[in-house]
Amino acid sequence: VASVLQDSLQREGDVVCRYGGEEF
């Protein structure tokens, strides 16, 4: 899922984080 979320971002300034447990 982390890989999918990272691939969904197409701009350099966007950031994906693991917020806690199974939440991002």
PDB file of all heavy atoms in Angstrom:
ATOM      1  N   VAL A   1       0.837  -1.204   0.000  1.00  0.00           N
ATOM      2  CA  VAL A   1       0.000   0.000   0.000  1.00  0.00           C
ATOM      3  C   VAL A   1       0.869   1.250   0.000  1.00  0.00           C
ATOM      4  O   VAL A   1       0.581   2.236  -0.708  1.00  0.00           O
ATOM      5  CB  VAL A   1      -0.955  -0.011   1.199  1.00  0.00           C
ATOM      6  CG1 VAL A   1      -1.654   1.335   1.345  1.00  0.00           C
ATOM      7  CG2 VAL A   1      -1.979  -1.126   1.062  1.00  0.00           C
ATOM      8  N   ALA A   2       1.940   1.259   0.786  1.00  0.00           N
ATOM      9  CA  ALA A   2       2.860   2.411   0.819  1.00  0.00           C
ATOM     10  C   ALA A   2       3.433   2.668  -0.561  1.00  0.00           C
ATOM     11  O   ALA A   2       3.546   3.822  -1.003  1.00  0.00           O
ATOM     12  CB  ALA A   2       3.981   2.161   1.831  1.00  0.00           C
ATOM     13  N   SER A   3       3.783   1.588  -1.272  1.00  0.00           N
ATOM     14  CA  SER A   3       4.329   1.740  -2.623  1.00  0.00           C
ATOM     15  C   SER A   3       3.290   2.325  -3.579  1.00  0.00           C
ATOM     16  O   SER A   3       3.600   3.183  -4.419  1.00  0.00           O
ATOM     17  CB  SER A   3       4.831   0.393  -3.141  1.00  0.00           C
ATOM     18  OG  SER A   3       5.322   0.500  -4.457  1.00  0.00           O
ATOM     19  N   VAL A   4       2.030   1.862  -3.441  1.00  0.00           N
ATOM     20  CA  VAL A   4       0.952   2.389  -4.279  1.00  0.00           C
ATOM     21  C   VAL A   4       0.747   3.880  -4.027  1.00  0.00           C
ATOM     22  O   VAL A   4       0.606   4.682  -4.960  1.00  0.00           O
ATOM     23  CB  VAL A   4      -0.346   1.598  -4.023  1.00  0.00           C
ATOM     24  CG1 VAL A   4      -1.555   2.357  -4.578  1.00  0.00           C
ATOM     25  CG2 VAL A   4      -0.269   0.218  -4.629  1.00  0.00           C
ATOM     26  N   LEU A   5       0.731   4.262  -2.749  1.00  0.00           N
ATOM     27  CA  LEU A   5       0.529   5.674  -2.415  1.00  0.00           C
ATOM     28  C   LEU A   5       1.687   6.534  -2.954  1.00  0.00           C
ATOM     29  O   LEU A   5       1.467   7.651  -3.439  1.00  0.00           O
ATOM     30  CB  LEU A   5       0.414   5.849  -0.906  1.00  0.00           C
ATOM     31  CG  LEU A   5      -0.803   5.172  -0.243  1.00  0.00           C
ATOM     32  CD1 LEU A   5      -0.768   5.389   1.263  1.00  0.00           C
ATOM     33  CD2 LEU A   5      -2.110   5.700  -0.825  1.00  0.00           C
ATOM     34  N   GLN A   6       2.881   6.015  -2.882  1.00  0.00           N
ATOM     35  CA  GLN A   6       4.034   6.754  -3.389  1.00  0.00           C
ATOM     36  C   GLN A   6       3.944   6.900  -4.916  1.00  0.00           C
ATOM     37  O   GLN A   6       4.260   7.964  -5.463  1.00  0.00           O
ATOM     38  CB  GLN A   6       5.331   6.032  -2.996  1.00  0.00           C
ATOM     39  CG  GLN A   6       6.602   6.852  -3.228  1.00  0.00           C
ATOM     40  CD  GLN A   6       6.713   8.013  -2.253  1.00  0.00           C
ATOM     41  OE1 GLN A   6       6.626   7.841  -1.046  1.00  0.00           O
ATOM     42  NE2 GLN A   6       6.878   9.215  -2.793  1.00  0.00           N
ATOM     43  N   ASP A   7       3.500   5.853  -5.573  1.00  0.00           N
ATOM     44  CA  ASP A   7       3.392   5.907  -7.038  1.00  0.00           C
ATOM     45  C   ASP A   7       2.268   6.824  -7.503  1.00  0.00           C
ATOM     46  O   ASP A   7       2.282   7.298  -8.647  1.00  0.00           O
ATOM     47  CB  ASP A   7       3.162   4.496  -7.595  1.00  0.00           C
ATOM     48  CG  ASP A   7       4.387   3.601  -7.412  1.00  0.00           C
ATOM     49  OD1 ASP A   7       5.492   4.176  -7.211  1.00  0.00           O
ATOM     50  OD2 ASP A   7       4.228   2.375  -7.456  1.00  0.00           O
ATOM     51  N   SER A   8       1.307   7.063  -6.638  1.00  0.00           N
ATOM     52  CA  SER A   8       0.182   7.906  -7.033  1.00  0.00           C
ATOM     53  C   SER A   8       0.551   9.382  -7.081  1.00  0.00           C
ATOM     54  O   SER A   8      -0.189  10.189  -7.664  1.00  0.00           O
ATOM     55  CB  SER A   8      -0.988   7.694  -6.064  1.00  0.00           C
ATOM     56  OG  SER A   8      -0.659   8.193  -4.777  1.00  0.00           O
ATOM     57  N   LEU A   9       1.639   9.752  -6.482  1.00  0.00           N
ATOM     58  CA  LEU A   9       2.080  11.155  -6.465  1.00  0.00           C
ATOM     59  C   LEU A   9       2.955  11.431  -7.678  1.00  0.00           C
ATOM     60  O   LEU A   9       3.870  10.666  -7.984  1.00  0.00           O
ATOM     61  CB  LEU A   9       2.865  11.462  -5.181  1.00  0.00           C
ATOM     62  CG  LEU A   9       2.124  11.181  -3.867  1.00  0.00           C
ATOM     63  CD1 LEU A   9       2.995  11.554  -2.684  1.00  0.00           C
ATOM     64  CD2 LEU A   9       0.799  11.933  -3.823  1.00  0.00           C
ATOM     65  N   GLN A  10       2.674  12.493  -8.355  1.00  0.00           N
ATOM     66  CA  GLN A  10       3.391  12.813  -9.588  1.00  0.00           C
ATOM     67  C   GLN A  10       4.160  14.131  -9.506  1.00  0.00           C
ATOM     68  O   GLN A  10       4.767  14.550 -10.479  1.00  0.00           O
ATOM     69  CB  GLN A  10       2.389  12.867 -10.767  1.00  0.00           C
ATOM     70  CG  GLN A  10       1.680  11.546 -10.999  1.00  0.00           C
ATOM     71  CD  GLN A  10       0.645  11.643 -12.108  1.00  0.00           C
ATOM     72  OE1 GLN A  10       0.179  12.725 -12.443  1.00  0.00           O
ATOM     73  NE2 GLN A  10       0.286  10.498 -12.672  1.00  0.00           N
ATOM     74  N   ARG A  11       4.123  14.793  -8.358  1.00  0.00           N
ATOM     75  CA  ARG A  11       4.834  16.055  -8.204  1.00  0.00           C
ATOM     76  C   ARG A  11       5.835  15.955  -7.057  1.00  0.00           C
ATOM     77  O   ARG A  11       5.611  15.228  -6.073  1.00  0.00           O
ATOM     78  CB  ARG A  11       3.859  17.199  -7.931  1.00  0.00           C
ATOM     79  CG  ARG A  11       2.838  17.421  -9.042  1.00  0.00           C
ATOM     80  CD  ARG A  11       1.999  18.633  -8.736  1.00  0.00           C
ATOM     81  NE  ARG A  11       1.479  18.590  -7.367  1.00  0.00           N
ATOM     82  CZ  ARG A  11       0.970  19.654  -6.742  1.00  0.00           C
ATOM     83  NH1 ARG A  11       0.925  20.816  -7.356  1.00  0.00           N
ATOM     84  NH2 ARG A  11       0.513  19.528  -5.521  1.00  0.00           N
ATOM     85  N   GLU A  12       6.915  16.704  -7.181  1.00  0.00           N
ATOM     86  CA  GLU A  12       8.000  16.601  -6.197  1.00  0.00           C
ATOM     87  C   GLU A  12       7.593  17.117  -4.826  1.00  0.00           C
ATOM     88  O   GLU A  12       8.036  16.613  -3.799  1.00  0.00           O
ATOM     89  CB  GLU A  12       9.222  17.388  -6.711  1.00  0.00           C
ATOM     90  CG  GLU A  12      10.452  17.250  -5.818  1.00  0.00           C
ATOM     91  CD  GLU A  12      11.647  17.981  -6.397  1.00  0.00           C
ATOM     92  OE1 GLU A  12      11.551  18.455  -7.560  1.00  0.00           O
ATOM     93  OE2 GLU A  12      12.668  18.088  -5.693  1.00  0.00           O
ATOM     94  N   GLY A  13       6.752  18.128  -4.763  1.00  0.00           N
ATOM     95  CA  GLY A  13       6.395  18.723  -3.482  1.00  0.00           C
ATOM     96  C   GLY A  13       5.393  17.944  -2.674  1.00  0.00           C
ATOM     97  O   GLY A  13       5.162  18.245  -1.496  1.00  0.00           O
ATOM     98  N   ASP A  14       4.760  16.913  -3.254  1.00  0.00           N
ATOM     99  CA  ASP A  14       3.758  16.126  -2.538  1.00  0.00           C
ATOM    100  C   ASP A  14       4.451  15.107  -1.630  1.00  0.00           C
ATOM    101  O   ASP A  14       5.486  14.546  -1.978  1.00  0.00           O
ATOM    102  CB  ASP A  14       2.844  15.413  -3.518  1.00  0.00           C
ATOM    103  CG  ASP A  14       2.053  16.405  -4.373  1.00  0.00           C
ATOM    104  OD1 ASP A  14       1.892  17.557  -3.925  1.00  0.00           O
ATOM    105  OD2 ASP A  14       1.642  16.031  -5.490  1.00  0.00           O
ATOM    106  N   VAL A  15       3.849  14.866  -0.473  1.00  0.00           N
ATOM    107  CA  VAL A  15       4.472  14.006   0.539  1.00  0.00           C
ATOM    108  C   VAL A  15       3.445  12.997   1.033  1.00  0.00           C
ATOM    109  O   VAL A  15       2.289  13.369   1.326  1.00  0.00           O
ATOM    110  CB  VAL A  15       4.995  14.846   1.727  1.00  0.00           C
ATOM    111  CG1 VAL A  15       5.545  13.922   2.819  1.00  0.00           C
ATOM    112  CG2 VAL A  15       6.058  15.821   1.266  1.00  0.00           C
ATOM    113  N   VAL A  16       3.873  11.721   1.143  1.00  0.00           N
ATOM    114  CA  VAL A  16       3.039  10.684   1.724  1.00  0.00           C
ATOM    115  C   VAL A  16       3.715  10.166   2.985  1.00  0.00           C
ATOM    116  O   VAL A  16       4.925   9.952   3.009  1.00  0.00           O
ATOM    117  CB  VAL A  16       2.778   9.530   0.718  1.00  0.00           C
ATOM    118  CG1 VAL A  16       4.070   8.928   0.227  1.00  0.00           C
ATOM    119  CG2 VAL A  16       1.885   8.454   1.349  1.00  0.00           C
ATOM    120  N   CYS A  17       2.932   9.979   4.061  1.00  0.00           N
ATOM    121  CA  CYS A  17       3.486   9.559   5.350  1.00  0.00           C
ATOM    122  C   CYS A  17       2.645   8.407   5.918  1.00  0.00           C
ATOM    123  O   CYS A  17       1.452   8.271   5.606  1.00  0.00           O
ATOM    124  CB  CYS A  17       3.468  10.718   6.362  1.00  0.00           C
ATOM    125  SG  CYS A  17       4.237  12.238   5.787  1.00  0.00           S
ATOM    126  N   ARG A  18       3.279   7.613   6.736  1.00  0.00           N
ATOM    127  CA  ARG A  18       2.525   6.625   7.505  1.00  0.00           C
ATOM    128  C   ARG A  18       2.089   7.308   8.790  1.00  0.00           C
ATOM    129  O   ARG A  18       2.911   7.621   9.663  1.00  0.00           O
ATOM    130  CB  ARG A  18       3.377   5.397   7.803  1.00  0.00           C
ATOM    131  CG  ARG A  18       2.559   4.299   8.493  1.00  0.00           C
ATOM    132  CD  ARG A  18       3.401   3.102   8.850  1.00  0.00           C
ATOM    133  NE  ARG A  18       2.599   2.084   9.500  1.00  0.00           N
ATOM    134  CZ  ARG A  18       3.082   0.998  10.109  1.00  0.00           C
ATOM    135  NH1 ARG A  18       4.404   0.805  10.120  1.00  0.00           N
ATOM    136  NH2 ARG A  18       2.283   0.123  10.670  1.00  0.00           N
ATOM    137  N   TYR A  19       0.790   7.514   8.910  1.00  0.00           N
ATOM    138  CA  TYR A  19       0.254   8.290  10.018  1.00  0.00           C
ATOM    139  C   TYR A  19       0.182   7.459  11.298  1.00  0.00           C
ATOM    140  O   TYR A  19       0.325   7.990  12.403  1.00  0.00           O
ATOM    141  CB  TYR A  19      -1.130   8.824   9.651  1.00  0.00           C
ATOM    142  CG  TYR A  19      -1.630   9.921  10.544  1.00  0.00           C
ATOM    143  CD1 TYR A  19      -1.087  11.196  10.470  1.00  0.00           C
ATOM    144  CD2 TYR A  19      -2.655   9.683  11.458  1.00  0.00           C
ATOM    145  CE1 TYR A  19      -1.553  12.212  11.293  1.00  0.00           C
ATOM    146  CE2 TYR A  19      -3.123  10.684  12.286  1.00  0.00           C
ATOM    147  CZ  TYR A  19      -2.566  11.955  12.202  1.00  0.00           C
ATOM    148  OH  TYR A  19      -3.025  12.957  13.015  1.00  0.00           O
ATOM    149  N   GLY A  20       0.009   6.189  11.162  1.00  0.00           N
ATOM    150  CA  GLY A  20      -0.060   5.308  12.324  1.00  0.00           C
ATOM    151  C   GLY A  20      -0.846   4.055  12.010  1.00  0.00           C
ATOM    152  O   GLY A  20      -1.923   4.116  11.393  1.00  0.00           O
ATOM    153  N   GLY A  21      -0.335   2.868  12.411  1.00  0.00           N
ATOM    154  CA  GLY A  21      -1.044   1.612  12.158  1.00  0.00           C
ATOM    155  C   GLY A  21      -1.243   1.394  10.673  1.00  0.00           C
ATOM    156  O   GLY A  21      -0.289   1.357   9.896  1.00  0.00           O
ATOM    157  N   GLU A  22      -2.545   1.241  10.248  1.00  0.00           N
ATOM    158  CA  GLU A  22      -2.843   1.034   8.827  1.00  0.00           C
ATOM    159  C   GLU A  22      -3.316   2.331   8.172  1.00  0.00           C
ATOM    160  O   GLU A  22      -3.879   2.321   7.091  1.00  0.00           O
ATOM    161  CB  GLU A  22      -3.918  -0.041   8.662  1.00  0.00           C
ATOM    162  CG  GLU A  22      -5.295   0.336   9.146  1.00  0.00           C
ATOM    163  CD  GLU A  22      -5.505   0.056  10.634  1.00  0.00           C
ATOM    164  OE1 GLU A  22      -4.504  -0.103  11.379  1.00  0.00           O
ATOM    165  OE2 GLU A  22      -6.661  -0.025  11.058  1.00  0.00           O
ATOM    166  N   GLU A  23      -3.055   3.481   8.805  1.00  0.00           N
ATOM    167  CA  GLU A  23      -3.516   4.764   8.304  1.00  0.00           C
ATOM    168  C   GLU A  23      -2.339   5.550   7.715  1.00  0.00           C
ATOM    169  O   GLU A  23      -1.241   5.585   8.285  1.00  0.00           O
ATOM    170  CB  GLU A  23      -4.183   5.566   9.424  1.00  0.00           C
ATOM    171  CG  GLU A  23      -4.911   6.804   8.920  1.00  0.00           C
ATOM    172  CD  GLU A  23      -5.701   7.475  10.030  1.00  0.00           C
ATOM    173  OE1 GLU A  23      -5.681   6.968  11.174  1.00  0.00           O
ATOM    174  OE2 GLU A  23      -6.339   8.508   9.753  1.00  0.00           O
ATOM    175  N   PHE A  24      -2.607   6.212   6.583  1.00  0.00           N
ATOM    176  CA  PHE A  24      -1.588   7.004   5.882  1.00  0.00           C
ATOM    177  C   PHE A  24      -2.137   8.408   5.633  1.00  0.00           C
ATOM    178  O   PHE A  24      -3.364   8.625   5.655  1.00  0.00           O
ATOM    179  CB  PHE A  24      -1.220   6.350   4.544  1.00  0.00           C
ATOM    180  CG  PHE A  24      -0.661   4.963   4.689  1.00  0.00           C
ATOM    181  CD1 PHE A  24      -1.521   3.846   4.758  1.00  0.00           C
ATOM    182  CD2 PHE A  24       0.704   4.744   4.753  1.00  0.00           C
ATOM    183  CE1 PHE A  24      -1.019   2.575   4.887  1.00  0.00           C
ATOM    184  CE2 PHE A  24       1.200   3.465   4.879  1.00  0.00           C
ATOM    185  CZ  PHE A  24       0.353   2.376   4.951  1.00  0.00           C
TER     186      PHE A  24
END
